[in-house]
Amino acid sequence: MALVKYNNNSISAVTATGLASGAMTHIKTLTASSSATLSFVDGTDSVVLDSTYPIYVFKFINMHPANADVLLMMNLSTDSGSNYNVTKTTTLFYAGNNEADSATSLSYYASKDLAQGTGFQAISLHPGDDNDQSCSGEFTLYNPSSTTFVKHFISRISANTYNDYAYDTYCAGYANTTSAVDAIRFQVESGNIDAGQIKLYGIKDS
């Protein structure tokens, strides 16, 4: 089989014309300080969560809970944050390894998924409350303003946990509503978020 070698001009042309790209725009940063919740509500405090962008990305930076052994969770709203109770169907799994390299795991987390549930969805396993422990990652929400389709989302978060594991948690699913989603709330399972930031970005075709 012959190998094809592309010169720099060919690669440049493919990069410029053959691949879709989008501009990521920073919208809002929320900083936790013993915060019970962190909420992004369309039209409030410069938050844009509407048809301006087809994709919204939330970046979590060193989310540090007040309590050990709690989950980072999220829920959605269709009434500008009056209620966070949108019906969701989700899937959740994780991989883990401890600091001693003596225990590993790869598992579906059946007790934390939702099947047409309205409660808060877990998106990260158990970030620890030691001074140096936290979780970081991202959550992506697709086309929340659509009044035709359900609203898909996906997240991936790395946590340094209370029992000294590295956990890589994946969550995906959809909000089973054709109403526009105009707010999202993040919180931990119990207690406050002591510190950390969530940065919201919008992505649209360039």
Protein backbone atom coordinates (compact mmCIF):
# COMPACT_ATOMS: atom_id res chain seq x y z
CA MET A 1 0.00 0.00 0.00
CA ALA A 2 1.42 3.38 -0.96
CA LEU A 3 1.88 6.06 1.67
CA VAL A 4 0.72 9.56 0.85
CA LYS A 5 2.79 12.43 2.15
CA TYR A 6 1.17 15.85 2.36
CA ASN A 7 3.24 18.99 2.19
CA ASN A 8 2.67 21.88 4.58
CA ASN A 9 0.48 23.74 2.10
CA SER A 10 -1.88 20.78 1.84
CA ILE A 11 -2.23 20.47 5.61
CA SER A 12 -2.76 24.21 5.90
CA ALA A 13 -5.54 24.09 3.35
CA VAL A 14 -7.28 21.20 5.12
CA THR A 15 -7.06 23.00 8.45
CA ALA A 16 -8.43 26.20 7.02
CA THR A 17 -11.30 24.84 4.95
CA GLY A 18 -12.04 21.24 5.83
CA LEU A 19 -12.70 21.27 9.57
CA ALA A 20 -15.49 22.95 11.46
CA SER A 21 -14.37 25.39 14.12
CA GLY A 22 -16.14 27.58 16.63
CA ALA A 23 -15.40 30.62 18.73
CA MET A 24 -15.50 30.16 22.50
CA THR A 25 -16.70 33.27 24.34
CA HIS A 26 -16.39 33.74 28.09
CA ILE A 27 -19.75 34.76 29.53
CA LYS A 28 -19.56 34.62 33.32
CA THR A 29 -17.44 33.34 36.22
CA LEU A 30 -18.95 32.40 39.58
CA THR A 31 -16.61 32.01 42.57
CA ALA A 32 -17.65 29.89 45.53
CA SER A 33 -17.11 31.14 49.07
CA SER A 34 -18.98 28.86 51.49
CA SER A 35 -21.74 28.83 48.87
CA ALA A 36 -24.76 26.55 49.15
CA THR A 37 -25.37 26.78 45.40
CA LEU A 38 -23.91 28.33 42.26
CA SER A 39 -26.58 29.17 39.68
CA PHE A 40 -26.44 30.55 36.16
CA VAL A 41 -29.76 32.17 35.22
CA ASP A 42 -30.37 33.67 31.77
CA GLY A 43 -30.65 37.44 31.90
CA THR A 44 -29.35 37.68 35.48
CA ASP A 45 -25.95 39.22 36.30
CA SER A 46 -24.84 39.23 32.65
CA VAL A 47 -25.54 35.51 32.18
CA VAL A 48 -26.49 34.49 28.64
CA LEU A 49 -28.21 31.12 28.40
CA ASP A 50 -30.41 31.39 25.33
CA SER A 51 -30.30 31.02 21.54
CA THR A 52 -27.17 33.20 21.30
CA TYR A 53 -25.06 30.03 21.44
CA PRO A 54 -25.93 26.43 20.45
CA ILE A 55 -23.37 25.05 22.93
CA TYR A 56 -22.61 26.12 26.50
CA VAL A 57 -19.57 24.84 28.40
CA PHE A 58 -19.09 25.11 32.16
CA LYS A 59 -15.50 24.76 33.41
CA PHE A 60 -15.02 23.68 37.03
CA ILE A 61 -11.77 24.80 38.66
CA ASN A 62 -10.78 23.33 42.05
CA MET A 63 -14.27 22.87 43.45
CA HIS A 64 -13.63 22.26 47.15
CA PRO A 65 -16.51 21.10 49.41
CA ALA A 66 -16.91 21.89 53.09
CA ASN A 67 -17.76 18.24 53.82
CA ALA A 68 -15.98 15.04 52.83
CA ASP A 69 -17.62 12.24 50.83
CA VAL A 70 -20.17 14.38 48.97
CA LEU A 71 -21.14 14.43 45.31
CA LEU A 72 -21.03 17.45 43.00
CA MET A 73 -24.49 17.71 41.45
CA MET A 74 -26.53 19.74 38.96
CA ASN A 75 -30.11 20.44 37.93
CA LEU A 76 -31.85 22.50 35.27
CA SER A 77 -34.72 24.97 35.16
CA THR A 78 -37.26 26.06 32.56
CA ASP A 79 -38.71 28.92 34.63
CA SER A 80 -35.70 31.19 35.16
CA GLY A 81 -34.58 29.41 38.31
CA SER A 82 -37.84 29.40 40.24
CA ASN A 83 -37.62 25.60 40.24
CA TYR A 84 -34.78 23.22 39.45
CA ASN A 85 -36.69 20.06 38.68
CA VAL A 86 -36.45 19.23 34.96
CA THR A 87 -37.09 15.59 34.07
CA LYS A 88 -33.86 13.83 33.11
CA THR A 89 -32.64 10.41 31.93
CA THR A 90 -28.92 9.90 32.54
CA THR A 91 -25.99 7.51 32.65
CA LEU A 92 -22.96 7.65 34.97
CA PHE A 93 -19.73 5.69 35.24
CA TYR A 94 -16.27 6.18 36.68
CA ALA A 95 -12.69 4.94 36.79
CA GLY A 96 -10.53 5.14 39.90
CA ASN A 97 -7.07 4.45 41.30
CA ASN A 98 -5.79 5.09 44.81
CA GLU A 99 -2.53 6.76 45.87
CA ALA A 100 -1.08 3.46 47.13
CA ASP A 101 -1.76 1.87 43.73
CA SER A 102 -3.39 -0.99 45.59
CA ALA A 103 -6.98 -0.63 44.39
CA THR A 104 -8.53 0.28 41.06
CA SER A 105 -12.08 0.43 39.74
CA LEU A 106 -14.10 0.85 36.57
CA SER A 107 -17.80 0.81 37.26
CA TYR A 108 -21.27 1.92 36.22
CA TYR A 109 -22.85 3.90 39.09
CA ALA A 110 -26.39 2.53 38.89
CA SER A 111 -27.66 4.14 42.09
CA LYS A 112 -26.78 7.64 40.86
CA ASP A 113 -28.34 7.65 37.38
CA LEU A 114 -31.84 8.93 36.68
CA ALA A 115 -34.66 7.43 34.65
CA GLN A 116 -37.21 10.20 34.13
CA GLY A 117 -36.18 11.69 37.46
CA THR A 118 -36.45 15.34 38.45
CA GLY A 119 -33.84 15.38 41.22
CA PHE A 120 -30.28 16.67 41.13
CA GLN A 121 -27.89 14.61 39.00
CA ALA A 122 -24.47 13.61 40.37
CA ILE A 123 -21.63 14.60 38.05
CA SER A 124 -18.54 13.99 40.20
CA LEU A 125 -17.60 11.48 42.86
CA HIS A 126 -16.69 12.61 46.36
CA PRO A 127 -14.09 15.40 46.17
CA GLY A 128 -12.37 15.53 49.56
CA ASP A 129 -12.48 18.31 52.13
CA ASP A 130 -8.76 18.28 52.99
CA ASN A 131 -7.13 21.63 52.23
CA ASP A 132 -5.49 20.30 49.06
CA GLN A 133 -8.46 18.28 47.72
CA SER A 134 -10.94 19.33 45.04
CA CYS A 135 -12.43 18.41 41.68
CA SER A 136 -12.06 19.99 38.23
CA GLY A 137 -13.55 19.34 34.81
CA GLU A 138 -16.32 20.47 32.50
CA PHE A 139 -20.01 20.15 31.73
CA THR A 140 -21.45 20.78 28.25
CA LEU A 141 -25.08 21.65 27.53
CA TYR A 142 -26.35 21.53 23.95
CA ASN A 143 -28.94 23.87 22.43
CA PRO A 144 -30.81 24.69 25.66
CA SER A 145 -33.13 27.18 23.93
CA SER A 146 -34.60 24.60 21.54
CA THR A 147 -38.36 24.19 21.72
CA THR A 148 -38.24 21.16 19.41
CA PHE A 149 -35.69 18.76 20.89
CA VAL A 150 -34.74 17.40 24.31
CA LYS A 151 -31.59 18.97 25.80
CA HIS A 152 -28.47 16.80 25.75
CA PHE A 153 -25.59 17.24 28.19
CA ILE A 154 -22.30 15.52 28.95
CA SER A 155 -19.65 15.99 31.63
CA ARG A 156 -16.24 14.69 32.61
CA ILE A 157 -14.70 15.57 35.98
CA SER A 158 -11.51 14.59 37.79
CA ALA A 159 -11.67 14.40 41.59
CA ASN A 160 -9.10 13.98 44.34
CA THR A 161 -11.37 12.22 46.81
CA TYR A 162 -11.71 12.03 50.58
CA ASN A 163 -10.16 8.51 50.59
CA ASP A 164 -7.18 9.51 48.41
CA TYR A 165 -8.40 8.18 45.07
CA ALA A 166 -8.17 9.78 41.66
CA TYR A 167 -11.63 9.41 40.12
CA ASP A 168 -12.53 10.18 36.53
CA THR A 169 -16.32 10.51 36.35
CA TYR A 170 -18.40 10.57 33.17
CA CYS A 171 -22.04 11.62 33.07
CA ALA A 172 -24.33 12.05 30.08
CA GLY A 173 -28.02 12.28 29.43
CA TYR A 174 -30.83 14.51 28.35
CA ALA A 175 -33.38 16.83 29.90
CA ASN A 176 -36.64 15.42 28.62
CA THR A 177 -38.35 18.70 27.86
CA THR A 178 -39.09 20.72 24.75
CA SER A 179 -39.30 23.88 26.84
CA ALA A 180 -36.27 26.14 26.73
CA VAL A 181 -33.81 25.54 29.57
CA ASP A 182 -32.84 28.96 30.92
CA ALA A 183 -31.01 28.22 34.17
CA ILE A 184 -28.68 25.66 35.71
CA ARG A 185 -27.65 25.12 39.33
CA PHE A 186 -24.60 23.36 40.78
CA GLN A 187 -24.26 22.24 44.38
CA VAL A 188 -22.78 19.51 46.52
CA GLU A 189 -24.81 16.70 48.05
CA SER A 190 -24.72 18.26 51.53
CA GLY A 191 -23.11 21.33 53.01
CA ASN A 192 -21.50 24.18 51.10
CA ILE A 193 -18.94 24.62 48.35
CA ASP A 194 -16.08 26.22 50.29
CA ALA A 195 -14.07 27.39 47.29
CA GLY A 196 -13.67 27.03 43.55
CA GLN A 197 -14.78 28.65 40.32
CA ILE A 198 -17.20 27.82 37.53
CA LYS A 199 -16.59 29.58 34.23
CA LEU A 200 -19.35 29.67 31.62
CA TYR A 201 -18.48 29.84 27.91
CA GLY A 202 -20.64 29.97 24.79
CA ILE A 203 -19.59 28.33 21.53
CA LYS A 204 -20.97 29.08 18.10
CA ASP A 205 -19.86 28.62 14.52
CA SER A 206 -17.12 30.99 13.52
